Amino acid sequence: MAAALVLLICLGPAAAQIFQTPGTFQGPGNSPVIPYPTAPPRPAPPPVYVPQVPQMNSPPSFQLQNTKPSLVESDPPQTSLKPQHRKSYGQRFTRCLNEGAAMGLTPNERNSYARSCAQQ
């Protein structure tokens, strides 16, 4: 019986060091128990803006409507002559190589002919 009493006296402080409630002081220097930091709250999600979809049978917007009467001209528009589109250097070079081969030139002669021909 005395042994049990001595055992309880010795185990009392040891059990108090293991099982403590938060906010109580522990240890020989009376250091406080510091709780773990919590994460900050999550920010609110960004707002989602849904564009207005135009309907097929809706009238056009005001900017697209013809609000000013215009003068109707009976004359046809004047034609403008556009310069011809020049082919790329690679296309001209290939054409000149084929021309040189058709003339029966050697590979070196064909190369010099194609370079001078493609530059024109």
PDB file of N, CA and C in Angstrom:
ATOM      1  N   MET A   1       0.808  -1.171   0.000  1.00  0.00           N
ATOM      2  CA  MET A   1       0.000   0.000   0.000  1.00  0.00           C
ATOM      3  C   MET A   1       0.866   1.255   0.000  1.00  0.00           C
ATOM      4  N   ALA A   2       1.884   1.225   0.760  1.00  0.00           N
ATOM      5  CA  ALA A   2       2.793   2.355   0.814  1.00  0.00           C
ATOM      6  C   ALA A   2       3.515   2.518  -0.517  1.00  0.00           C
ATOM      7  N   ALA A   3       3.776   1.383  -1.159  1.00  0.00           N
ATOM      8  CA  ALA A   3       4.461   1.436  -2.446  1.00  0.00           C
ATOM      9  C   ALA A   3       3.559   2.077  -3.500  1.00  0.00           C
ATOM     10  N   ALA A   4       2.265   1.801  -3.438  1.00  0.00           N
ATOM     11  CA  ALA A   4       1.329   2.387  -4.392  1.00  0.00           C
ATOM     12  C   ALA A   4       1.218   3.887  -4.180  1.00  0.00           C
ATOM     13  N   LEU A   5       1.236   4.306  -2.905  1.00  0.00           N
ATOM     14  CA  LEU A   5       1.159   5.722  -2.598  1.00  0.00           C
ATOM     15  C   LEU A   5       2.402   6.455  -3.099  1.00  0.00           C
ATOM     16  N   VAL A   6       3.571   5.862  -2.932  1.00  0.00           N
ATOM     17  CA  VAL A   6       4.817   6.467  -3.402  1.00  0.00           C
ATOM     18  C   VAL A   6       4.811   6.523  -4.937  1.00  0.00           C
ATOM     19  N   LEU A   7       4.270   5.469  -5.570  1.00  0.00           N
ATOM     20  CA  LEU A   7       4.205   5.436  -7.024  1.00  0.00           C
ATOM     21  C   LEU A   7       3.283   6.532  -7.559  1.00  0.00           C
ATOM     22  N   LEU A   8       2.136   6.766  -6.928  1.00  0.00           N
ATOM     23  CA  LEU A   8       1.221   7.817  -7.351  1.00  0.00           C
ATOM     24  C   LEU A   8       1.819   9.203  -7.158  1.00  0.00           C
ATOM     25  N   ILE A   9       2.561   9.376  -6.094  1.00  0.00           N
ATOM     26  CA  ILE A   9       3.181  10.674  -5.844  1.00  0.00           C
ATOM     27  C   ILE A   9       4.240  10.964  -6.914  1.00  0.00           C
ATOM     28  N   CYS A  10       4.991   9.939  -7.310  1.00  0.00           N
ATOM     29  CA  CYS A  10       6.040  10.141  -8.319  1.00  0.00           C
ATOM     30  C   CYS A  10       5.459  10.311  -9.728  1.00  0.00           C
ATOM     31  N   LEU A  11       4.368   9.620 -10.031  1.00  0.00           N
ATOM     32  CA  LEU A  11       3.799   9.686 -11.369  1.00  0.00           C
ATOM     33  C   LEU A  11       2.897  10.902 -11.584  1.00  0.00           C
ATOM     34  N   GLY A  12       2.457  11.553 -10.542  1.00  0.00           N
ATOM     35  CA  GLY A  12       1.576  12.707 -10.674  1.00  0.00           C
ATOM     36  C   GLY A  12       2.192  13.843 -11.477  1.00  0.00           C
ATOM     37  N   PRO A  13       3.380  14.335 -11.107  1.00  0.00           N
ATOM     38  CA  PRO A  13       3.995  15.413 -11.885  1.00  0.00           C
ATOM     39  C   PRO A  13       4.388  14.973 -13.305  1.00  0.00           C
ATOM     40  N   ALA A  14       4.778  13.719 -13.452  1.00  0.00           N
ATOM     41  CA  ALA A  14       5.155  13.242 -14.785  1.00  0.00           C
ATOM     42  C   ALA A  14       3.938  13.220 -15.700  1.00  0.00           C
ATOM     43  N   ALA A  15       2.803  12.812 -15.197  1.00  0.00           N
ATOM     44  CA  ALA A  15       1.589  12.790 -16.010  1.00  0.00           C
ATOM     45  C   ALA A  15       1.132  14.205 -16.331  1.00  0.00           C
ATOM     46  N   ALA A  16       1.377  15.150 -15.450  1.00  0.00           N
ATOM     47  CA  ALA A  16       0.979  16.531 -15.693  1.00  0.00           C
ATOM     48  C   ALA A  16       1.820  17.148 -16.806  1.00  0.00           C
ATOM     49  N   GLN A  17       3.069  16.698 -16.963  1.00  0.00           N
ATOM     50  CA  GLN A  17       3.904  17.234 -18.040  1.00  0.00           C
ATOM     51  C   GLN A  17       3.486  16.683 -19.404  1.00  0.00           C
ATOM     52  N   ILE A  18       2.950  15.486 -19.418  1.00  0.00           N
ATOM     53  CA  ILE A  18       2.547  14.883 -20.682  1.00  0.00           C
ATOM     54  C   ILE A  18       1.176  15.376 -21.106  1.00  0.00           C
ATOM     55  N   PHE A  19       0.216  15.372 -20.199  1.00  0.00           N
ATOM     56  CA  PHE A  19      -1.161  15.750 -20.516  1.00  0.00           C
ATOM     57  C   PHE A  19      -1.445  17.138 -19.976  1.00  0.00           C
ATOM     58  N   GLN A  20      -1.368  18.139 -20.867  1.00  0.00           N
ATOM     59  CA  GLN A  20      -1.681  19.495 -20.452  1.00  0.00           C
ATOM     60  C   GLN A  20      -2.704  20.075 -21.405  1.00  0.00           C
ATOM     61  N   THR A  21      -3.496  20.958 -20.889  1.00  0.00           N
ATOM     62  CA  THR A  21      -4.473  21.637 -21.722  1.00  0.00           C
ATOM     63  C   THR A  21      -3.816  22.848 -22.359  1.00  0.00           C
ATOM     64  N   PRO A  22      -4.279  23.272 -23.537  1.00  0.00           N
ATOM     65  CA  PRO A  22      -3.678  24.448 -24.180  1.00  0.00           C
ATOM     66  C   PRO A  22      -3.850  25.700 -23.323  1.00  0.00           C
ATOM     67  N   GLY A  23      -2.856  26.535 -23.355  1.00  0.00           N
ATOM     68  CA  GLY A  23      -2.902  27.784 -22.609  1.00  0.00           C
ATOM     69  C   GLY A  23      -2.309  27.681 -21.224  1.00  0.00           C
ATOM     70  N   THR A  24      -1.942  26.495 -20.778  1.00  0.00           N
ATOM     71  CA  THR A  24      -1.332  26.360 -19.449  1.00  0.00           C
ATOM     72  C   THR A  24       0.171  26.459 -19.591  1.00  0.00           C
ATOM     73  N   PHE A  25       0.826  26.711 -18.515  1.00  0.00           N
ATOM     74  CA  PHE A  25       2.275  26.844 -18.520  1.00  0.00           C
ATOM     75  C   PHE A  25       2.902  25.512 -18.192  1.00  0.00           C
ATOM     76  N   GLN A  26       4.039  25.253 -18.799  1.00  0.00           N
ATOM     77  CA  GLN A  26       4.720  23.986 -18.561  1.00  0.00           C
ATOM     78  C   GLN A  26       6.200  24.232 -18.381  1.00  0.00           C
ATOM     79  N   GLY A  27       6.889  23.215 -17.962  1.00  0.00           N
ATOM     80  CA  GLY A  27       8.333  23.235 -17.877  1.00  0.00           C
ATOM     81  C   GLY A  27       8.845  24.029 -16.699  1.00  0.00           C
ATOM     82  N   PRO A  28      10.157  23.915 -16.488  1.00  0.00           N
ATOM     83  CA  PRO A  28      10.745  24.589 -15.329  1.00  0.00           C
ATOM     84  C   PRO A  28      10.786  26.102 -15.474  1.00  0.00           C
ATOM     85  N   GLY A  29      10.865  26.644 -16.697  1.00  0.00           N
ATOM     86  CA  GLY A  29      10.954  28.083 -16.868  1.00  0.00           C
ATOM     87  C   GLY A  29       9.593  28.732 -17.060  1.00  0.00           C
ATOM     88  N   ASN A  30       8.530  27.982 -16.857  1.00  0.00           N
ATOM     89  CA  ASN A  30       7.165  28.473 -17.048  1.00  0.00           C
ATOM     90  C   ASN A  30       6.976  29.099 -18.444  1.00  0.00           C
ATOM     91  N   SER A  31       7.428  28.381 -19.476  1.00  0.00           N
ATOM     92  CA  SER A  31       7.256  28.892 -20.835  1.00  0.00           C
ATOM     93  C   SER A  31       5.846  28.560 -21.320  1.00  0.00           C
ATOM     94  N   PRO A  32       5.173  29.498 -21.986  1.00  0.00           N
ATOM     95  CA  PRO A  32       3.800  29.243 -22.427  1.00  0.00           C
ATOM     96  C   PRO A  32       3.782  28.323 -23.658  1.00  0.00           C
ATOM     97  N   VAL A  33       2.695  27.631 -23.822  1.00  0.00           N
ATOM     98  CA  VAL A  33       2.511  26.785 -24.988  1.00  0.00           C
ATOM     99  C   VAL A  33       2.065  27.686 -26.141  1.00  0.00           C
ATOM    100  N   ILE A  34       2.828  27.682 -27.223  1.00  0.00           N
ATOM    101  CA  ILE A  34       2.511  28.534 -28.366  1.00  0.00           C
ATOM    102  C   ILE A  34       1.736  27.690 -29.373  1.00  0.00           C
ATOM    103  N   PRO A  35       0.523  28.084 -29.702  1.00  0.00           N
ATOM    104  CA  PRO A  35      -0.239  27.287 -30.673  1.00  0.00           C
ATOM    105  C   PRO A  35       0.333  27.468 -32.078  1.00  0.00           C
ATOM    106  N   TYR A  36       0.069  26.484 -32.940  1.00  0.00           N
ATOM    107  CA  TYR A  36       0.532  26.569 -34.322  1.00  0.00           C
ATOM    108  C   TYR A  36      -0.177  27.712 -35.034  1.00  0.00           C
ATOM    109  N   PRO A  37       0.532  28.412 -35.926  1.00  0.00           N
ATOM    110  CA  PRO A  37      -0.136  29.504 -36.650  1.00  0.00           C
ATOM    111  C   PRO A  37      -1.153  28.935 -37.653  1.00  0.00           C
ATOM    112  N   THR A  38      -2.205  29.672 -37.852  1.00  0.00           N
ATOM    113  CA  THR A  38      -3.222  29.240 -38.810  1.00  0.00           C
ATOM    114  C   THR A  38      -3.030  30.007 -40.118  1.00  0.00           C
ATOM    115  N   ALA A  39      -3.467  29.405 -41.189  1.00  0.00           N
ATOM    116  CA  ALA A  39      -3.349  30.037 -42.500  1.00  0.00           C
ATOM    117  C   ALA A  39      -4.360  31.171 -42.605  1.00  0.00           C
ATOM    118  N   PRO A  40      -4.015  32.220 -43.362  1.00  0.00           N
ATOM    119  CA  PRO A  40      -4.985  33.308 -43.534  1.00  0.00           C
ATOM    120  C   PRO A  40      -6.172  32.810 -44.361  1.00  0.00           C
ATOM    121  N   PRO A  41      -7.299  33.472 -44.252  1.00  0.00           N
ATOM    122  CA  PRO A  41      -8.465  33.022 -45.024  1.00  0.00           C
ATOM    123  C   PRO A  41      -8.223  33.198 -46.520  1.00  0.00           C
ATOM    124  N   ARG A  42      -8.837  32.346 -47.315  1.00  0.00           N
ATOM    125  CA  ARG A  42      -8.672  32.397 -48.766  1.00  0.00           C
ATOM    126  C   ARG A  42      -9.343  33.651 -49.308  1.00  0.00           C
ATOM    127  N   PRO A  43      -8.723  34.290 -50.314  1.00  0.00           N
ATOM    128  CA  PRO A  43      -9.362  35.472 -50.901  1.00  0.00           C
ATOM    129  C   PRO A  43     -10.597  35.062 -51.696  1.00  0.00           C
ATOM    130  N   ALA A  44     -11.469  36.010 -51.868  1.00  0.00           N
ATOM    131  CA  ALA A  44     -12.692  35.745 -52.622  1.00  0.00           C
ATOM    132  C   ALA A  44     -12.336  35.512 -54.090  1.00  0.00           C
ATOM    133  N   PRO A  45     -13.036  34.619 -54.766  1.00  0.00           N
ATOM    134  CA  PRO A  45     -12.730  34.388 -56.183  1.00  0.00           C
ATOM    135  C   PRO A  45     -13.073  35.621 -57.003  1.00  0.00           C
ATOM    136  N   PRO A  46     -12.365  35.823 -58.124  1.00  0.00           N
ATOM    137  CA  PRO A  46     -12.647  36.999 -58.947  1.00  0.00           C
ATOM    138  C   PRO A  46     -14.029  36.887 -59.578  1.00  0.00           C
ATOM    139  N   PRO A  47     -14.672  38.019 -59.798  1.00  0.00           N
ATOM    140  CA  PRO A  47     -16.004  37.962 -60.404  1.00  0.00           C
ATOM    141  C   PRO A  47     -15.914  37.545 -61.871  1.00  0.00           C
ATOM    142  N   VAL A  48     -16.902  36.837 -62.333  1.00  0.00           N
ATOM    143  CA  VAL A  48     -16.957  36.369 -63.715  1.00  0.00           C
ATOM    144  C   VAL A  48     -17.984  37.216 -64.447  1.00  0.00           C
ATOM    145  N   TYR A  49     -17.523  37.898 -65.493  1.00  0.00           N
ATOM    146  CA  TYR A  49     -18.415  38.725 -66.284  1.00  0.00           C
ATOM    147  C   TYR A  49     -18.750  37.982 -67.573  1.00  0.00           C
ATOM    148  N   VAL A  50     -20.000  37.769 -67.809  1.00  0.00           N
ATOM    149  CA  VAL A  50     -20.449  37.076 -69.012  1.00  0.00           C
ATOM    150  C   VAL A  50     -20.902  38.127 -70.012  1.00  0.00           C
ATOM    151  N   PRO A  51     -20.305  38.155 -71.222  1.00  0.00           N
ATOM    152  CA  PRO A  51     -20.721  39.159 -72.198  1.00  0.00           C
ATOM    153  C   PRO A  51     -22.119  38.855 -72.719  1.00  0.00           C
ATOM    154  N   GLN A  52     -22.794  39.903 -73.120  1.00  0.00           N
ATOM    155  CA  GLN A  52     -24.136  39.739 -73.647  1.00  0.00           C
ATOM    156  C   GLN A  52     -24.031  39.244 -75.087  1.00  0.00           C
ATOM    157  N   VAL A  53     -24.705  38.155 -75.370  1.00  0.00           N
ATOM    158  CA  VAL A  53     -24.666  37.556 -76.699  1.00  0.00           C
ATOM    159  C   VAL A  53     -25.775  38.175 -77.534  1.00  0.00           C
ATOM    160  N   PRO A  54     -25.441  38.724 -78.718  1.00  0.00           N
ATOM    161  CA  PRO A  54     -26.497  39.320 -79.539  1.00  0.00           C
ATOM    162  C   PRO A  54     -27.412  38.234 -80.100  1.00  0.00           C
ATOM    163  N   GLN A  55     -28.670  38.577 -80.219  1.00  0.00           N
ATOM    164  CA  GLN A  55     -29.660  37.645 -80.756  1.00  0.00           C
ATOM    165  C   GLN A  55     -29.721  37.802 -82.269  1.00  0.00           C
ATOM    166  N   MET A  56     -30.173  36.773 -82.940  1.00  0.00           N
ATOM    167  CA  MET A  56     -30.220  36.798 -84.402  1.00  0.00           C
ATOM    168  C   MET A  56     -31.243  37.808 -84.930  1.00  0.00           C
ATOM    169  N   ASN A  57     -32.356  37.970 -84.246  1.00  0.00           N
ATOM    170  CA  ASN A  57     -33.411  38.842 -84.762  1.00  0.00           C
ATOM    171  C   ASN A  57     -33.420  40.210 -84.095  1.00  0.00           C
ATOM    172  N   SER A  58     -32.371  40.558 -83.347  1.00  0.00           N
ATOM    173  CA  SER A  58     -32.342  41.856 -82.684  1.00  0.00           C
ATOM    174  C   SER A  58     -31.892  42.928 -83.678  1.00  0.00           C
ATOM    175  N   PRO A  59     -32.322  44.181 -83.492  1.00  0.00           N
ATOM    176  CA  PRO A  59     -31.884  45.249 -84.400  1.00  0.00           C
ATOM    177  C   PRO A  59     -30.403  45.550 -84.167  1.00  0.00           C
ATOM    178  N   PRO A  60     -29.705  46.077 -85.166  1.00  0.00           N
ATOM    179  CA  PRO A  60     -28.285  46.387 -84.982  1.00  0.00           C
ATOM    180  C   PRO A  60     -28.107  47.523 -83.983  1.00  0.00           C
ATOM    181  N   SER A  61     -26.903  47.587 -83.413  1.00  0.00           N
ATOM    182  CA  SER A  61     -26.639  48.648 -82.445  1.00  0.00           C
ATOM    183  C   SER A  61     -26.673  50.006 -83.141  1.00  0.00           C
ATOM    184  N   PHE A  62     -26.773  51.062 -82.365  1.00  0.00           N
ATOM    185  CA  PHE A  62     -26.936  52.402 -82.913  1.00  0.00           C
ATOM    186  C   PHE A  62     -25.736  52.810 -83.760  1.00  0.00           C
ATOM    187  N   GLN A  63     -24.523  52.367 -83.387  1.00  0.00           N
ATOM    188  CA  GLN A  63     -23.328  52.750 -84.128  1.00  0.00           C
ATOM    189  C   GLN A  63     -23.336  52.149 -85.535  1.00  0.00           C
ATOM    190  N   LEU A  64     -24.004  51.018 -85.718  1.00  0.00           N
ATOM    191  CA  LEU A  64     -24.009  50.366 -87.024  1.00  0.00           C
ATOM    192  C   LEU A  64     -25.142  50.849 -87.923  1.00  0.00           C
ATOM    193  N   GLN A  65     -26.053  51.611 -87.389  1.00  0.00           N
ATOM    194  CA  GLN A  65     -27.183  52.064 -88.193  1.00  0.00           C
ATOM    195  C   GLN A  65     -26.776  53.273 -89.032  1.00  0.00           C
ATOM    196  N   ASN A  66     -27.347  53.378 -90.209  1.00  0.00           N
ATOM    197  CA  ASN A  66     -27.095  54.520 -91.085  1.00  0.00           C
ATOM    198  C   ASN A  66     -28.060  55.630 -90.682  1.00  0.00           C
ATOM    199  N   THR A  67     -27.541  56.637 -90.000  1.00  0.00           N
ATOM    200  CA  THR A  67     -28.401  57.711 -89.502  1.00  0.00           C
ATOM    201  C   THR A  67     -28.359  58.949 -90.386  1.00  0.00           C
ATOM    202  N   LYS A  68     -27.415  59.026 -91.339  1.00  0.00           N
ATOM    203  CA  LYS A  68     -27.321  60.198 -92.207  1.00  0.00           C
ATOM    204  C   LYS A  68     -27.717  59.800 -93.627  1.00  0.00           C
ATOM    205  N   PRO A  69     -28.535  60.595 -94.272  1.00  0.00           N
ATOM    206  CA  PRO A  69     -28.822  60.279 -95.674  1.00  0.00           C
ATOM    207  C   PRO A  69     -27.580  60.554 -96.514  1.00  0.00           C
ATOM    208  N   SER A  70     -27.317  59.700 -97.454  1.00  0.00           N
ATOM    209  CA  SER A  70     -26.121  59.861 -98.279  1.00  0.00           C
ATOM    210  C   SER A  70     -26.515  60.119 -99.722  1.00  0.00           C
ATOM    211  N   LEU A  71     -25.587  60.680-100.459  1.00  0.00           N
ATOM    212  CA  LEU A  71     -25.788  60.989-101.865  1.00  0.00           C
ATOM    213  C   LEU A  71     -25.441  59.746-102.685  1.00  0.00           C
ATOM    214  N   VAL A  72     -26.350  59.312-103.515  1.00  0.00           N
ATOM    215  CA  VAL A  72     -26.123  58.133-104.336  1.00  0.00           C
ATOM    216  C   VAL A  72     -25.556  58.591-105.666  1.00  0.00           C
ATOM    217  N   GLU A  73     -24.382  58.071-106.021  1.00  0.00           N
ATOM    218  CA  GLU A  73     -23.738  58.437-107.275  1.00  0.00           C
ATOM    219  C   GLU A  73     -24.006  57.345-108.302  1.00  0.00           C
ATOM    220  N   SER A  74     -24.297  57.764-109.521  1.00  0.00           N
ATOM    221  CA  SER A  74     -24.579  56.791-110.571  1.00  0.00           C
ATOM    222  C   SER A  74     -23.325  56.385-111.330  1.00  0.00           C
ATOM    223  N   ASP A  75     -22.222  57.118-111.155  1.00  0.00           N
ATOM    224  CA  ASP A  75     -20.992  56.796-111.865  1.00  0.00           C
ATOM    225  C   ASP A  75     -20.323  55.584-111.215  1.00  0.00           C
ATOM    226  N   PRO A  76     -19.763  54.675-112.007  1.00  0.00           N
ATOM    227  CA  PRO A  76     -19.056  53.533-111.417  1.00  0.00           C
ATOM    228  C   PRO A  76     -17.737  54.003-110.804  1.00  0.00           C
ATOM    229  N   PRO A  77     -17.229  53.289-109.853  1.00  0.00           N
ATOM    230  CA  PRO A  77     -15.954  53.697-109.253  1.00  0.00           C
ATOM    231  C   PRO A  77     -14.823  53.556-110.261  1.00  0.00           C
ATOM    232  N   GLN A  78     -13.830  54.407-110.114  1.00  0.00           N
ATOM    233  CA  GLN A  78     -12.697  54.374-111.034  1.00  0.00           C
ATOM    234  C   GLN A  78     -11.813  53.175-110.705  1.00  0.00           C
ATOM    235  N   THR A  79     -11.330  52.535-111.737  1.00  0.00           N
ATOM    236  CA  THR A  79     -10.462  51.380-111.536  1.00  0.00           C
ATOM    237  C   THR A  79      -9.042  51.854-111.294  1.00  0.00           C
ATOM    238  N   SER A  80      -8.364  51.171-110.421  1.00  0.00           N
ATOM    239  CA  SER A  80      -6.969  51.508-110.159  1.00  0.00           C
ATOM    240  C   SER A  80      -6.123  50.313-110.572  1.00  0.00           C
ATOM    241  N   LEU A  81      -5.050  50.604-111.266  1.00  0.00           N
ATOM    242  CA  LEU A  81      -4.159  49.547-111.720  1.00  0.00           C
ATOM    243  C   LEU A  81      -3.180  49.207-110.603  1.00  0.00           C
ATOM    244  N   LYS A  82      -3.148  47.935-110.249  1.00  0.00           N
ATOM    245  CA  LYS A  82      -2.229  47.487-109.209  1.00  0.00           C
ATOM    246  C   LYS A  82      -0.987  46.923-109.878  1.00  0.00           C
ATOM    247  N   PRO A  83       0.175  47.165-109.287  1.00  0.00           N
ATOM    248  CA  PRO A  83       1.373  46.558-109.865  1.00  0.00           C
ATOM    249  C   PRO A  83       1.314  45.042-109.674  1.00  0.00           C
ATOM    250  N   GLN A  84       1.902  44.320-110.638  1.00  0.00           N
ATOM    251  CA  GLN A  84       1.879  42.871-110.544  1.00  0.00           C
ATOM    252  C   GLN A  84       2.695  42.419-109.346  1.00  0.00           C
ATOM    253  N   HIS A  85       2.204  41.361-108.714  1.00  0.00           N
ATOM    254  CA  HIS A  85       2.894  40.807-107.549  1.00  0.00           C
ATOM    255  C   HIS A  85       4.129  40.049-108.022  1.00  0.00           C
ATOM    256  N   ARG A  86       5.285  40.405-107.497  1.00  0.00           N
ATOM    257  CA  ARG A  86       6.527  39.747-107.885  1.00  0.00           C
ATOM    258  C   ARG A  86       6.687  38.483-107.053  1.00  0.00           C
ATOM    259  N   LYS A  87       7.095  37.396-107.687  1.00  0.00           N
ATOM    260  CA  LYS A  87       7.280  36.131-106.985  1.00  0.00           C
ATOM    261  C   LYS A  87       8.480  36.238-106.056  1.00  0.00           C
ATOM    262  N   SER A  88       8.544  35.336-105.089  1.00  0.00           N
ATOM    263  CA  SER A  88       9.636  35.377-104.125  1.00  0.00           C
ATOM    264  C   SER A  88      10.951  34.974-104.790  1.00  0.00           C
ATOM    265  N   TYR A  89      12.050  35.276-104.102  1.00  0.00           N
ATOM    266  CA  TYR A  89      13.374  34.980-104.653  1.00  0.00           C
ATOM    267  C   TYR A  89      13.544  33.479-104.858  1.00  0.00           C
ATOM    268  N   GLY A  90      13.054  32.686-103.909  1.00  0.00           N
ATOM    269  CA  GLY A  90      13.178  31.235-104.029  1.00  0.00           C
ATOM    270  C   GLY A  90      12.422  30.693-105.229  1.00  0.00           C
ATOM    271  N   GLN A  91      11.232  31.237-105.479  1.00  0.00           N
ATOM    272  CA  GLN A  91      10.464  30.787-106.648  1.00  0.00           C
ATOM    273  C   GLN A  91      11.156  31.192-107.946  1.00  0.00           C
ATOM    274  N   ARG A  92      11.693  32.412-108.005  1.00  0.00           N
ATOM    275  CA  ARG A  92      12.400  32.855-109.207  1.00  0.00           C
ATOM    276  C   ARG A  92      13.668  32.032-109.422  1.00  0.00           C
ATOM    277  N   PHE A  93      14.382  31.719-108.335  1.00  0.00           N
ATOM    278  CA  PHE A  93      15.618  30.940-108.423  1.00  0.00           C
ATOM    279  C   PHE A  93      15.327  29.538-108.950  1.00  0.00           C
ATOM    280  N   THR A  94      14.255  28.925-108.451  1.00  0.00           N
ATOM    281  CA  THR A  94      13.881  27.586-108.924  1.00  0.00           C
ATOM    282  C   THR A  94      13.528  27.611-110.409  1.00  0.00           C
ATOM    283  N   ARG A  95      12.792  28.628-110.839  1.00  0.00           N
ATOM    284  CA  ARG A  95      12.428  28.750-112.255  1.00  0.00           C
ATOM    285  C   ARG A  95      13.682  28.900-113.110  1.00  0.00           C
ATOM    286  N   CYS A  96      14.640  29.703-112.636  1.00  0.00           N
ATOM    287  CA  CYS A  96      15.872  29.916-113.398  1.00  0.00           C
ATOM    288  C   CYS A  96      16.733  28.654-113.430  1.00  0.00           C
ATOM    289  N   LEU A  97      16.734  27.870-112.339  1.00  0.00           N
ATOM    290  CA  LEU A  97      17.462  26.601-112.355  1.00  0.00           C
ATOM    291  C   LEU A  97      16.879  25.660-113.396  1.00  0.00           C
ATOM    292  N   ASN A  98      15.561  25.609-113.456  1.00  0.00           N
ATOM    293  CA  ASN A  98      14.911  24.745-114.449  1.00  0.00           C
ATOM    294  C   ASN A  98      15.210  25.219-115.874  1.00  0.00           C
ATOM    295  N   GLU A  99      15.237  26.526-116.082  1.00  0.00           N
ATOM    296  CA  GLU A  99      15.579  27.051-117.410  1.00  0.00           C
ATOM    297  C   GLU A  99      17.009  26.677-117.782  1.00  0.00           C
ATOM    298  N   GLY A 100      17.929  26.785-116.815  1.00  0.00           N
ATOM    299  CA  GLY A 100      19.328  26.429-117.078  1.00  0.00           C
ATOM    300  C   GLY A 100      19.476  24.951-117.394  1.00  0.00           C
ATOM    301  N   ALA A 101      18.715  24.103-116.701  1.00  0.00           N
ATOM    302  CA  ALA A 101      18.771  22.670-116.995  1.00  0.00           C
ATOM    303  C   ALA A 101      18.209  22.385-118.379  1.00  0.00           C
ATOM    304  N   ALA A 102      17.170  23.122-118.778  1.00  0.00           N
ATOM    305  CA  ALA A 102      16.591  22.923-120.109  1.00  0.00           C
ATOM    306  C   ALA A 102      17.558  23.371-121.199  1.00  0.00           C
ATOM    307  N   MET A 103      18.428  24.346-120.884  1.00  0.00           N
ATOM    308  CA  MET A 103      19.412  24.804-121.872  1.00  0.00           C
ATOM    309  C   MET A 103      20.617  23.878-121.927  1.00  0.00           C
ATOM    310  N   GLY A 104      20.708  22.907-121.008  1.00  0.00           N
ATOM    311  CA  GLY A 104      21.815  21.948-121.023  1.00  0.00           C
ATOM    312  C   GLY A 104      23.062  22.457-120.344  1.00  0.00           C
ATOM    313  N   LEU A 105      22.940  23.356-119.364  1.00  0.00           N
ATOM    314  CA  LEU A 105      24.111  23.883-118.665  1.00  0.00           C
ATOM    315  C   LEU A 105      24.597  22.876-117.628  1.00  0.00           C
ATOM    316  N   THR A 106      25.902  22.951-117.309  1.00  0.00           N
ATOM    317  CA  THR A 106      26.456  22.103-116.247  1.00  0.00           C
ATOM    318  C   THR A 106      25.977  22.649-114.900  1.00  0.00           C
ATOM    319  N   PRO A 107      26.106  21.865-113.803  1.00  0.00           N
ATOM    320  CA  PRO A 107      25.626  22.348-112.497  1.00  0.00           C
ATOM    321  C   PRO A 107      26.243  23.678-112.068  1.00  0.00           C
ATOM    322  N   ASN A 108      27.544  23.874-112.287  1.00  0.00           N
ATOM    323  CA  ASN A 108      28.168  25.146-111.901  1.00  0.00           C
ATOM    324  C   ASN A 108      27.652  26.296-112.762  1.00  0.00           C
ATOM    325  N   GLU A 109      27.512  26.063-114.055  1.00  0.00           N
ATOM    326  CA  GLU A 109      26.975  27.104-114.938  1.00  0.00           C
ATOM    327  C   GLU A 109      25.512  27.398-114.603  1.00  0.00           C
ATOM    328  N   ARG A 110      24.771  26.331-114.263  1.00  0.00           N
ATOM    329  CA  ARG A 110      23.358  26.499-113.901  1.00  0.00           C
ATOM    330  C   ARG A 110      23.216  27.359-112.645  1.00  0.00           C
ATOM    331  N   ASN A 111      24.107  27.158-111.671  1.00  0.00           N
ATOM    332  CA  ASN A 111      24.055  27.920-110.421  1.00  0.00           C
ATOM    333  C   ASN A 111      24.323  29.398-110.681  1.00  0.00           C
ATOM    334  N   SER A 112      25.371  29.712-111.429  1.00  0.00           N
ATOM    335  CA  SER A 112      25.671  31.124-111.699  1.00  0.00           C
ATOM    336  C   SER A 112      24.583  31.757-112.562  1.00  0.00           C
ATOM    337  N   TYR A 113      24.035  30.988-113.508  1.00  0.00           N
ATOM    338  CA  TYR A 113      22.941  31.515-114.333  1.00  0.00           C
ATOM    339  C   TYR A 113      21.699  31.793-113.472  1.00  0.00           C
ATOM    340  N   ALA A 114      21.372  30.885-112.558  1.00  0.00           N
ATOM    341  CA  ALA A 114      20.172  31.049-111.730  1.00  0.00           C
ATOM    342  C   ALA A 114      20.314  32.249-110.802  1.00  0.00           C
ATOM    343  N   ARG A 115      21.527  32.467-110.245  1.00  0.00           N
ATOM    344  CA  ARG A 115      21.726  33.624-109.364  1.00  0.00           C
ATOM    345  C   ARG A 115      21.542  34.931-110.107  1.00  0.00           C
ATOM    346  N   SER A 116      22.131  35.040-111.289  1.00  0.00           N
ATOM    347  CA  SER A 116      21.998  36.294-112.040  1.00  0.00           C
ATOM    348  C   SER A 116      20.585  36.457-112.594  1.00  0.00           C
ATOM    349  N   CYS A 117      19.941  35.358-112.972  1.00  0.00           N
ATOM    350  CA  CYS A 117      18.582  35.427-113.512  1.00  0.00           C
ATOM    351  C   CYS A 117      17.580  35.815-112.426  1.00  0.00           C
ATOM    352  N   ALA A 118      17.733  35.270-111.208  1.00  0.00           N
ATOM    353  CA  ALA A 118      16.767  35.536-110.133  1.00  0.00           C
ATOM    354  C   ALA A 118      16.877  36.960-109.610  1.00  0.00           C
ATOM    355  N   GLN A 119      18.031  37.608-109.792  1.00  0.00           N
ATOM    356  CA  GLN A 119      18.198  38.984-109.323  1.00  0.00           C
ATOM    357  C   GLN A 119      17.447  39.979-110.188  1.00  0.00           C
ATOM    358  N   GLN A 120      17.121  39.629-111.427  1.00  0.00           N
ATOM    359  CA  GLN A 120      16.450  40.553-112.344  1.00  0.00           C
ATOM    360  C   GLN A 120      14.998  40.715-111.989  1.00  0.00           C
TER     361      GLN A 120
END
